[in-house]
Amino acid sequence: MKRRISGGCQIFFAHIGGRFFGFRPQNDRIRIMIEFQKRVYNIVKRIPRGKVLSYKQVAAKLGNKKLARAVGNALNKNRDPKVPCHRVIRSDGKIGGYAWGTKKKTKTLKKEGVRIEKDRIIKKSSPTLL
């Protein structure tokens, strides 16, 4: 059952064991997504200059290496310059995507001392994060 409330928001009610529980699925999804993004950004903020992690390594630090694609999506939405998204690469050593383009990502990584040849990271170094 669902009913419309003021502001166009919908509340869904679930009947469980004789009790009704109301929740707002859209708001819960947004809250969970924002919390996930914050966790991703906190990990990426700790990657030092000249070091890189793969999307899969960031996902593993979150507790599930299968979340690599979700990590990429979260980083693509980042607009905070304090989060060095350019330091996250593909597992195969390729540069991977970047909201401002792969050329800028490559240039920034090289400027930080990361060796890149033929669009691949040479000697990928994984930092030890706290």
Protein backbone atom coordinates (compact mmCIF):
# COMPACT_ATOMS: atom_id res chain seq x y z
CA MET A 1 0.00 0.00 0.00
CA LYS A 2 1.23 3.51 -0.71
CA ARG A 3 -0.18 6.94 -0.11
CA ARG A 4 0.80 10.38 -1.26
CA ILE A 5 1.76 12.98 1.32
CA SER A 6 2.52 16.68 1.06
CA GLY A 7 5.39 17.66 -1.21
CA GLY A 8 4.75 14.81 -3.62
CA CYS A 9 6.73 12.34 -1.50
CA GLN A 10 5.45 8.79 -1.18
CA ILE A 11 5.55 6.66 1.93
CA PHE A 12 5.42 2.91 1.49
CA PHE A 13 4.13 0.76 4.31
CA ALA A 14 5.26 -2.80 4.86
CA HIS A 15 3.10 -5.13 6.89
CA ILE A 16 5.36 -7.35 8.99
CA GLY A 17 4.12 -9.52 11.83
CA GLY A 18 0.96 -7.51 12.38
CA ARG A 19 2.82 -4.14 12.47
CA PHE A 20 3.21 -1.49 9.80
CA PHE A 21 6.60 0.07 9.14
CA GLY A 22 6.79 3.22 7.04
CA PHE A 23 9.89 4.12 5.06
CA ARG A 24 10.83 6.42 2.23
CA PRO A 25 12.73 4.25 -0.26
CA GLN A 26 14.05 7.13 -2.37
CA ASN A 27 15.40 9.03 0.64
CA ASP A 28 16.95 5.86 2.08
CA ARG A 29 18.64 5.11 -1.26
CA ILE A 30 20.07 8.62 -1.45
CA ARG A 31 21.28 8.47 2.16
CA ILE A 32 22.97 5.10 1.58
CA MET A 33 24.56 6.36 -1.66
CA ILE A 34 25.91 9.49 0.05
CA GLU A 35 27.33 7.44 2.95
CA PHE A 36 29.01 5.08 0.46
CA GLN A 37 30.51 8.03 -1.42
CA LYS A 38 31.87 9.48 1.82
CA ARG A 39 33.52 6.16 2.68
CA VAL A 40 35.10 5.99 -0.79
CA TYR A 41 36.33 9.59 -0.57
CA ASN A 42 37.85 8.99 2.89
CA ILE A 43 39.90 6.09 1.54
CA VAL A 44 40.99 7.96 -1.59
CA LYS A 45 42.00 11.04 0.43
CA ARG A 46 44.62 8.88 2.18
CA ILE A 47 46.41 7.85 -1.04
CA PRO A 48 49.71 9.77 -0.96
CA ARG A 49 51.16 11.70 -3.92
CA GLY A 50 52.98 9.45 -6.35
CA LYS A 51 51.01 6.36 -5.30
CA VAL A 52 47.92 4.76 -6.82
CA LEU A 53 45.26 2.21 -5.91
CA SER A 54 42.97 0.32 -8.25
CA TYR A 55 39.20 0.66 -8.06
CA LYS A 56 39.18 -2.96 -6.86
CA GLN A 57 41.67 -2.19 -4.07
CA VAL A 58 39.54 0.73 -2.88
CA ALA A 59 36.49 -1.56 -2.95
CA ALA A 60 38.39 -4.20 -0.96
CA LYS A 61 39.21 -1.58 1.68
CA LEU A 62 35.47 -0.94 1.88
CA GLY A 63 34.98 -4.63 2.58
CA ASN A 64 33.84 -5.98 -0.80
CA LYS A 65 36.12 -6.08 -3.84
CA LYS A 66 33.05 -6.59 -6.06
CA LEU A 67 32.12 -2.93 -5.49
CA ALA A 68 34.84 -1.70 -7.89
CA ARG A 69 32.32 -0.34 -10.40
CA ALA A 70 30.40 1.45 -7.64
CA VAL A 71 33.69 3.00 -6.48
CA GLY A 72 34.24 4.32 -10.02
CA ASN A 73 30.73 5.76 -10.12
CA ALA A 74 31.20 7.46 -6.75
CA LEU A 75 34.51 8.97 -7.83
CA ASN A 76 32.98 10.20 -11.08
CA LYS A 77 30.46 12.24 -9.05
CA ASN A 78 33.14 13.83 -6.86
CA ARG A 79 33.75 17.56 -7.28
CA ASP A 80 35.83 18.08 -4.12
CA PRO A 81 39.43 18.99 -5.08
CA LYS A 82 40.62 17.52 -1.76
CA VAL A 83 39.72 14.02 -3.02
CA PRO A 84 42.48 12.90 -5.43
CA CYS A 85 40.33 10.74 -7.71
CA HIS A 86 43.12 10.70 -10.29
CA ARG A 87 45.09 8.34 -8.01
CA VAL A 88 42.63 5.49 -8.62
CA ILE A 89 43.31 3.35 -11.69
CA ARG A 90 42.14 0.14 -13.33
CA SER A 91 43.32 -3.23 -12.01
CA ASP A 92 45.11 -3.98 -15.29
CA GLY A 93 47.34 -0.92 -14.82
CA LYS A 94 45.56 1.25 -17.40
CA ILE A 95 44.72 4.80 -16.44
CA GLY A 96 40.94 4.38 -16.38
CA GLY A 97 38.30 7.07 -16.61
CA TYR A 98 38.34 10.54 -15.14
CA ALA A 99 35.64 13.21 -15.01
CA TRP A 100 38.00 15.77 -16.61
CA GLY A 101 39.41 13.36 -19.21
CA THR A 102 42.16 10.77 -19.26
CA LYS A 103 44.72 13.22 -20.68
CA LYS A 104 44.39 15.42 -17.60
CA LYS A 105 44.52 12.35 -15.33
CA THR A 106 47.72 11.14 -17.04
CA LYS A 107 49.30 14.59 -16.85
CA THR A 108 48.45 14.96 -13.15
CA LEU A 109 49.78 11.49 -12.27
CA LYS A 110 53.03 12.14 -14.16
CA LYS A 111 53.40 15.47 -12.37
CA GLU A 112 53.13 13.57 -9.05
CA GLY A 113 55.89 11.18 -10.09
CA VAL A 114 53.91 8.17 -11.29
CA ARG A 115 55.60 6.46 -14.26
CA ILE A 116 53.27 5.96 -17.22
CA GLU A 117 54.12 4.38 -20.57
CA LYS A 118 51.62 3.63 -23.32
CA ASP A 119 48.69 4.60 -21.08
CA ARG A 120 49.73 2.12 -18.38
CA ILE A 121 51.15 2.62 -14.92
CA ILE A 122 54.69 1.28 -14.63
CA LYS A 123 55.41 -0.43 -11.30
CA LYS A 124 52.08 0.20 -9.64
CA SER A 125 52.73 0.98 -6.00
CA SER A 126 50.04 0.41 -3.42
CA PRO A 127 50.30 2.60 -0.34
CA THR A 128 49.68 1.23 3.10
CA LEU A 129 46.62 3.08 4.34
CA LEU A 130 45.62 3.34 7.95
